[in-house]
Amino acid sequence: MKAEKMREWTTDEMRAKEREFSDQLFRLKFQRASGQSDVLQKIRVLRRDIARVKTLLRQNEMQAAEGAEKKS
């Protein structure tokens, strides 16, 4: 998924998607352990999506902190 599309999400939506992606990753890891080799690419994509969501959440936190500092 593209980061531009993710930036349109609210913080709550990002957290929900992060949980959803993590759950999917958990299930795919079990599938891979049971011998299905076609899930490796999906695992890689999900790991990247989780990282993107976490990065955007952190950026939002940093911007909020900067805004609070400037207000004080």
PDB file of N, CA and C in Angstrom:
ATOM      1  N   MET A   1       0.833  -1.168   0.000  1.00  0.00           N
ATOM      2  CA  MET A   1       0.000   0.000   0.000  1.00  0.00           C
ATOM      3  C   MET A   1       0.886   1.243   0.000  1.00  0.00           C
ATOM      4  N   LYS A   2       0.442   2.259  -0.669  1.00  0.00           N
ATOM      5  CA  LYS A   2       1.217   3.485  -0.804  1.00  0.00           C
ATOM      6  C   LYS A   2       1.100   4.350   0.449  1.00  0.00           C
ATOM      7  N   ALA A   3       2.196   5.004   0.792  1.00  0.00           N
ATOM      8  CA  ALA A   3       2.227   5.870   1.964  1.00  0.00           C
ATOM      9  C   ALA A   3       1.309   7.084   1.765  1.00  0.00           C
ATOM     10  N   GLU A   4       1.155   7.550   0.537  1.00  0.00           N
ATOM     11  CA  GLU A   4       0.289   8.695   0.286  1.00  0.00           C
ATOM     12  C   GLU A   4      -1.144   8.390   0.703  1.00  0.00           C
ATOM     13  N   LYS A   5      -1.585   7.180   0.402  1.00  0.00           N
ATOM     14  CA  LYS A   5      -2.940   6.785   0.778  1.00  0.00           C
ATOM     15  C   LYS A   5      -3.046   6.657   2.292  1.00  0.00           C
ATOM     16  N   MET A   6      -2.005   6.159   2.926  1.00  0.00           N
ATOM     17  CA  MET A   6      -2.014   5.985   4.372  1.00  0.00           C
ATOM     18  C   MET A   6      -2.048   7.323   5.096  1.00  0.00           C
ATOM     19  N   ARG A   7      -1.464   8.339   4.518  1.00  0.00           N
ATOM     20  CA  ARG A   7      -1.440   9.666   5.147  1.00  0.00           C
ATOM     21  C   ARG A   7      -2.834  10.264   5.273  1.00  0.00           C
ATOM     22  N   GLU A   8      -3.757   9.795   4.458  1.00  0.00           N
ATOM     23  CA  GLU A   8      -5.131  10.291   4.501  1.00  0.00           C
ATOM     24  C   GLU A   8      -5.902   9.720   5.695  1.00  0.00           C
ATOM     25  N   TRP A   9      -5.393   8.656   6.303  1.00  0.00           N
ATOM     26  CA  TRP A   9      -6.078   8.019   7.424  1.00  0.00           C
ATOM     27  C   TRP A   9      -5.925   8.831   8.695  1.00  0.00           C
ATOM     28  N   THR A  10      -6.909   8.701   9.576  1.00  0.00           N
ATOM     29  CA  THR A  10      -6.797   9.309  10.895  1.00  0.00           C
ATOM     30  C   THR A  10      -5.902   8.430  11.763  1.00  0.00           C
ATOM     31  N   THR A  11      -5.527   8.941  12.925  1.00  0.00           N
ATOM     32  CA  THR A  11      -4.667   8.180  13.831  1.00  0.00           C
ATOM     33  C   THR A  11      -5.344   6.892  14.268  1.00  0.00           C
ATOM     34  N   ASP A  12      -6.635   6.954  14.561  1.00  0.00           N
ATOM     35  CA  ASP A  12      -7.360   5.748  14.971  1.00  0.00           C
ATOM     36  C   ASP A  12      -7.413   4.715  13.851  1.00  0.00           C
ATOM     37  N   GLU A  13      -7.606   5.185  12.621  1.00  0.00           N
ATOM     38  CA  GLU A  13      -7.620   4.272  11.481  1.00  0.00           C
ATOM     39  C   GLU A  13      -6.249   3.621  11.298  1.00  0.00           C
ATOM     40  N   MET A  14      -5.181   4.395  11.500  1.00  0.00           N
ATOM     41  CA  MET A  14      -3.833   3.841  11.372  1.00  0.00           C
ATOM     42  C   MET A  14      -3.586   2.755  12.411  1.00  0.00           C
ATOM     43  N   ARG A  15      -4.004   3.016  13.648  1.00  0.00           N
ATOM     44  CA  ARG A  15      -3.816   2.015  14.697  1.00  0.00           C
ATOM     45  C   ARG A  15      -4.615   0.756  14.410  1.00  0.00           C
ATOM     46  N   ALA A  16      -5.825   0.915  13.898  1.00  0.00           N
ATOM     47  CA  ALA A  16      -6.659  -0.236  13.550  1.00  0.00           C
ATOM     48  C   ALA A  16      -6.017  -1.036  12.412  1.00  0.00           C
ATOM     49  N   LYS A  17      -5.500  -0.339  11.425  1.00  0.00           N
ATOM     50  CA  LYS A  17      -4.845  -1.019  10.303  1.00  0.00           C
ATOM     51  C   LYS A  17      -3.580  -1.732  10.763  1.00  0.00           C
ATOM     52  N   GLU A  18      -2.846  -1.110  11.677  1.00  0.00           N
ATOM     53  CA  GLU A  18      -1.643  -1.752  12.196  1.00  0.00           C
ATOM     54  C   GLU A  18      -1.997  -3.083  12.873  1.00  0.00           C
ATOM     55  N   ARG A  19      -3.056  -3.072  13.681  1.00  0.00           N
ATOM     56  CA  ARG A  19      -3.498  -4.315  14.321  1.00  0.00           C
ATOM     57  C   ARG A  19      -3.942  -5.344  13.286  1.00  0.00           C
ATOM     58  N   GLU A  20      -4.673  -4.879  12.281  1.00  0.00           N
ATOM     59  CA  GLU A  20      -5.145  -5.774  11.224  1.00  0.00           C
ATOM     60  C   GLU A  20      -3.972  -6.397  10.468  1.00  0.00           C
ATOM     61  N   PHE A  21      -3.001  -5.570  10.107  1.00  0.00           N
ATOM     62  CA  PHE A  21      -1.824  -6.074   9.400  1.00  0.00           C
ATOM     63  C   PHE A  21      -1.045  -7.063  10.264  1.00  0.00           C
ATOM     64  N   SER A  22      -0.930  -6.767  11.554  1.00  0.00           N
ATOM     65  CA  SER A  22      -0.206  -7.666  12.458  1.00  0.00           C
ATOM     66  C   SER A  22      -0.905  -9.011  12.571  1.00  0.00           C
ATOM     67  N   ASP A  23      -2.239  -8.987  12.646  1.00  0.00           N
ATOM     68  CA  ASP A  23      -2.998 -10.236  12.698  1.00  0.00           C
ATOM     69  C   ASP A  23      -2.806 -11.054  11.422  1.00  0.00           C
ATOM     70  N   GLN A  24      -2.845 -10.375  10.281  1.00  0.00           N
ATOM     71  CA  GLN A  24      -2.636 -11.064   9.006  1.00  0.00           C
ATOM     72  C   GLN A  24      -1.241 -11.670   8.950  1.00  0.00           C
ATOM     73  N   LEU A  25      -0.259 -10.917   9.417  1.00  0.00           N
ATOM     74  CA  LEU A  25       1.119 -11.402   9.423  1.00  0.00           C
ATOM     75  C   LEU A  25       1.247 -12.639  10.296  1.00  0.00           C
ATOM     76  N   PHE A  26       0.613 -12.627  11.450  1.00  0.00           N
ATOM     77  CA  PHE A  26       0.628 -13.762  12.365  1.00  0.00           C
ATOM     78  C   PHE A  26       0.080 -15.018  11.678  1.00  0.00           C
ATOM     79  N   ARG A  27      -1.055 -14.867  10.991  1.00  0.00           N
ATOM     80  CA  ARG A  27      -1.660 -16.010  10.290  1.00  0.00           C
ATOM     81  C   ARG A  27      -0.776 -16.510   9.148  1.00  0.00           C
ATOM     82  N   LEU A  28      -0.176 -15.580   8.425  1.00  0.00           N
ATOM     83  CA  LEU A  28       0.685 -15.969   7.307  1.00  0.00           C
ATOM     84  C   LEU A  28       1.941 -16.698   7.787  1.00  0.00           C
ATOM     85  N   LYS A  29       2.455 -16.310   8.935  1.00  0.00           N
ATOM     86  CA  LYS A  29       3.631 -17.000   9.472  1.00  0.00           C
ATOM     87  C   LYS A  29       3.300 -18.455   9.794  1.00  0.00           C
ATOM     88  N   PHE A  30       2.096 -18.695  10.300  1.00  0.00           N
ATOM     89  CA  PHE A  30       1.685 -20.072  10.565  1.00  0.00           C
ATOM     90  C   PHE A  30       1.532 -20.849   9.259  1.00  0.00           C
ATOM     91  N   GLN A  31       0.988 -20.212   8.242  1.00  0.00           N
ATOM     92  CA  GLN A  31       0.839 -20.877   6.949  1.00  0.00           C
ATOM     93  C   GLN A  31       2.198 -21.244   6.380  1.00  0.00           C
ATOM     94  N   ARG A  32       3.145 -20.338   6.524  1.00  0.00           N
ATOM     95  CA  ARG A  32       4.490 -20.609   6.010  1.00  0.00           C
ATOM     96  C   ARG A  32       5.146 -21.747   6.782  1.00  0.00           C
ATOM     97  N   ALA A  33       4.934 -21.772   8.094  1.00  0.00           N
ATOM     98  CA  ALA A  33       5.509 -22.841   8.916  1.00  0.00           C
ATOM     99  C   ALA A  33       4.902 -24.196   8.577  1.00  0.00           C
ATOM    100  N   SER A  34       3.668 -24.190   8.087  1.00  0.00           N
ATOM    101  CA  SER A  34       3.030 -25.447   7.728  1.00  0.00           C
ATOM    102  C   SER A  34       3.405 -25.904   6.322  1.00  0.00           C
ATOM    103  N   GLY A  35       4.249 -25.138   5.654  1.00  0.00           N
ATOM    104  CA  GLY A  35       4.777 -25.606   4.383  1.00  0.00           C
ATOM    105  C   GLY A  35       4.313 -24.866   3.151  1.00  0.00           C
ATOM    106  N   GLN A  36       3.460 -23.896   3.289  1.00  0.00           N
ATOM    107  CA  GLN A  36       3.022 -23.144   2.117  1.00  0.00           C
ATOM    108  C   GLN A  36       4.088 -22.116   1.765  1.00  0.00           C
ATOM    109  N   SER A  37       4.674 -22.278   0.614  1.00  0.00           N
ATOM    110  CA  SER A  37       5.797 -21.407   0.240  1.00  0.00           C
ATOM    111  C   SER A  37       5.349 -20.167  -0.534  1.00  0.00           C
ATOM    112  N   ASP A  38       4.095 -20.094  -0.904  1.00  0.00           N
ATOM    113  CA  ASP A  38       3.637 -18.970  -1.711  1.00  0.00           C
ATOM    114  C   ASP A  38       3.290 -17.738  -0.880  1.00  0.00           C
ATOM    115  N   VAL A  39       3.440 -17.795   0.438  1.00  0.00           N
ATOM    116  CA  VAL A  39       3.062 -16.677   1.286  1.00  0.00           C
ATOM    117  C   VAL A  39       4.232 -15.746   1.601  1.00  0.00           C
ATOM    118  N   LEU A  40       5.419 -16.090   1.180  1.00  0.00           N
ATOM    119  CA  LEU A  40       6.596 -15.292   1.520  1.00  0.00           C
ATOM    120  C   LEU A  40       6.481 -13.852   1.018  1.00  0.00           C
ATOM    121  N   GLN A  41       6.026 -13.670  -0.190  1.00  0.00           N
ATOM    122  CA  GLN A  41       5.880 -12.319  -0.745  1.00  0.00           C
ATOM    123  C   GLN A  41       4.840 -11.529   0.043  1.00  0.00           C
ATOM    124  N   LYS A  42       3.743 -12.178   0.432  1.00  0.00           N
ATOM    125  CA  LYS A  42       2.708 -11.501   1.215  1.00  0.00           C
ATOM    126  C   LYS A  42       3.251 -11.077   2.573  1.00  0.00           C
ATOM    127  N   ILE A  43       4.088 -11.905   3.163  1.00  0.00           N
ATOM    128  CA  ILE A  43       4.702 -11.577   4.448  1.00  0.00           C
ATOM    129  C   ILE A  43       5.574 -10.340   4.307  1.00  0.00           C
ATOM    130  N   ARG A  44       6.359 -10.291   3.266  1.00  0.00           N
ATOM    131  CA  ARG A  44       7.235  -9.139   3.038  1.00  0.00           C
ATOM    132  C   ARG A  44       6.440  -7.848   2.866  1.00  0.00           C
ATOM    133  N   VAL A  45       5.368  -7.924   2.097  1.00  0.00           N
ATOM    134  CA  VAL A  45       4.529  -6.745   1.858  1.00  0.00           C
ATOM    135  C   VAL A  45       3.887  -6.280   3.162  1.00  0.00           C
ATOM    136  N   LEU A  46       3.385  -7.218   3.950  1.00  0.00           N
ATOM    137  CA  LEU A  46       2.754  -6.847   5.211  1.00  0.00           C
ATOM    138  C   LEU A  46       3.746  -6.219   6.182  1.00  0.00           C
ATOM    139  N   ARG A  47       4.948  -6.761   6.238  1.00  0.00           N
ATOM    140  CA  ARG A  47       5.965  -6.186   7.120  1.00  0.00           C
ATOM    141  C   ARG A  47       6.273  -4.746   6.728  1.00  0.00           C
ATOM    142  N   ARG A  48       6.331  -4.490   5.442  1.00  0.00           N
ATOM    143  CA  ARG A  48       6.589  -3.130   4.964  1.00  0.00           C
ATOM    144  C   ARG A  48       5.418  -2.201   5.279  1.00  0.00           C
ATOM    145  N   ASP A  49       4.185  -2.716   5.115  1.00  0.00           N
ATOM    146  CA  ASP A  49       3.010  -1.905   5.420  1.00  0.00           C
ATOM    147  C   ASP A  49       2.958  -1.557   6.908  1.00  0.00           C
ATOM    148  N   ILE A  50       3.285  -2.524   7.758  1.00  0.00           N
ATOM    149  CA  ILE A  50       3.313  -2.267   9.197  1.00  0.00           C
ATOM    150  C   ILE A  50       4.353  -1.192   9.511  1.00  0.00           C
ATOM    151  N   ALA A  51       5.510  -1.292   8.899  1.00  0.00           N
ATOM    152  CA  ALA A  51       6.561  -0.299   9.124  1.00  0.00           C
ATOM    153  C   ALA A  51       6.112   1.081   8.656  1.00  0.00           C
ATOM    154  N   ARG A  52       5.430   1.160   7.526  1.00  0.00           N
ATOM    155  CA  ARG A  52       4.948   2.448   7.032  1.00  0.00           C
ATOM    156  C   ARG A  52       3.946   3.075   8.001  1.00  0.00           C
ATOM    157  N   VAL A  53       3.016   2.248   8.495  1.00  0.00           N
ATOM    158  CA  VAL A  53       2.009   2.754   9.424  1.00  0.00           C
ATOM    159  C   VAL A  53       2.684   3.246  10.701  1.00  0.00           C
ATOM    160  N   LYS A  54       3.632   2.476  11.225  1.00  0.00           N
ATOM    161  CA  LYS A  54       4.326   2.888  12.447  1.00  0.00           C
ATOM    162  C   LYS A  54       5.107   4.180  12.226  1.00  0.00           C
ATOM    163  N   THR A  55       5.712   4.321  11.070  1.00  0.00           N
ATOM    164  CA  THR A  55       6.457   5.538  10.750  1.00  0.00           C
ATOM    165  C   THR A  55       5.522   6.746  10.702  1.00  0.00           C
ATOM    166  N   LEU A  56       4.389   6.592  10.055  1.00  0.00           N
ATOM    167  CA  LEU A  56       3.439   7.695   9.964  1.00  0.00           C
ATOM    168  C   LEU A  56       2.856   8.051  11.330  1.00  0.00           C
ATOM    169  N   LEU A  57       2.595   7.051  12.163  1.00  0.00           N
ATOM    170  CA  LEU A  57       2.111   7.322  13.513  1.00  0.00           C
ATOM    171  C   LEU A  57       3.142   8.121  14.304  1.00  0.00           C
ATOM    172  N   ARG A  58       4.391   7.733  14.172  1.00  0.00           N
ATOM    173  CA  ARG A  58       5.458   8.437  14.881  1.00  0.00           C
ATOM    174  C   ARG A  58       5.604   9.871  14.370  1.00  0.00           C
ATOM    175  N   GLN A  59       5.490  10.059  13.063  1.00  0.00           N
ATOM    176  CA  GLN A  59       5.556  11.404  12.504  1.00  0.00           C
ATOM    177  C   GLN A  59       4.431  12.276  13.052  1.00  0.00           C
ATOM    178  N   ASN A  60       3.232  11.691  13.158  1.00  0.00           N
ATOM    179  CA  ASN A  60       2.101  12.434  13.706  1.00  0.00           C
ATOM    180  C   ASN A  60       2.354  12.814  15.161  1.00  0.00           C
ATOM    181  N   GLU A  61       2.940  11.890  15.933  1.00  0.00           N
ATOM    182  CA  GLU A  61       3.256  12.172  17.329  1.00  0.00           C
ATOM    183  C   GLU A  61       4.270  13.311  17.433  1.00  0.00           C
ATOM    184  N   MET A  62       5.276  13.281  16.585  1.00  0.00           N
ATOM    185  CA  MET A  62       6.309  14.316  16.607  1.00  0.00           C
ATOM    186  C   MET A  62       5.715  15.682  16.240  1.00  0.00           C
ATOM    187  N   GLN A  63       4.833  15.709  15.246  1.00  0.00           N
ATOM    188  CA  GLN A  63       4.197  16.967  14.858  1.00  0.00           C
ATOM    189  C   GLN A  63       3.314  17.500  15.973  1.00  0.00           C
ATOM    190  N   ALA A  64       2.612  16.607  16.657  1.00  0.00           N
ATOM    191  CA  ALA A  64       1.755  17.027  17.766  1.00  0.00           C
ATOM    192  C   ALA A  64       2.607  17.582  18.910  1.00  0.00           C
ATOM    193  N   ALA A  65       3.745  16.947  19.164  1.00  0.00           N
ATOM    194  CA  ALA A  65       4.637  17.416  20.227  1.00  0.00           C
ATOM    195  C   ALA A  65       5.216  18.784  19.875  1.00  0.00           C
ATOM    196  N   GLU A  66       5.590  18.972  18.630  1.00  0.00           N
ATOM    197  CA  GLU A  66       6.106  20.273  18.195  1.00  0.00           C
ATOM    198  C   GLU A  66       5.043  21.353  18.326  1.00  0.00           C
ATOM    199  N   GLY A  67       3.824  21.011  17.967  1.00  0.00           N
ATOM    200  CA  GLY A  67       2.715  21.963  18.080  1.00  0.00           C
ATOM    201  C   GLY A  67       2.456  22.337  19.521  1.00  0.00           C
ATOM    202  N   ALA A  68       2.576  21.380  20.436  1.00  0.00           N
ATOM    203  CA  ALA A  68       2.375  21.652  21.852  1.00  0.00           C
ATOM    204  C   ALA A  68       3.494  22.526  22.409  1.00  0.00           C
ATOM    205  N   GLU A  69       4.716  22.307  21.946  1.00  0.00           N
ATOM    206  CA  GLU A  69       5.844  23.119  22.396  1.00  0.00           C
ATOM    207  C   GLU A  69       5.706  24.558  21.923  1.00  0.00           C
ATOM    208  N   LYS A  70       5.275  24.736  20.709  1.00  0.00           N
ATOM    209  CA  LYS A  70       5.128  26.089  20.162  1.00  0.00           C
ATOM    210  C   LYS A  70       4.004  26.831  20.852  1.00  0.00           C
ATOM    211  N   LYS A  71       2.979  26.099  21.294  1.00  0.00           N
ATOM    212  CA  LYS A  71       1.860  26.722  21.992  1.00  0.00           C
ATOM    213  C   LYS A  71       2.275  27.251  23.357  1.00  0.00           C
ATOM    214  N   SER A  72       3.180  26.535  24.013  1.00  0.00           N
ATOM    215  CA  SER A  72       3.587  26.904  25.391  1.00  0.00           C
ATOM    216  C   SER A  72       4.436  28.125  25.435  1.00  0.00           C
TER     217      SER A  72
END
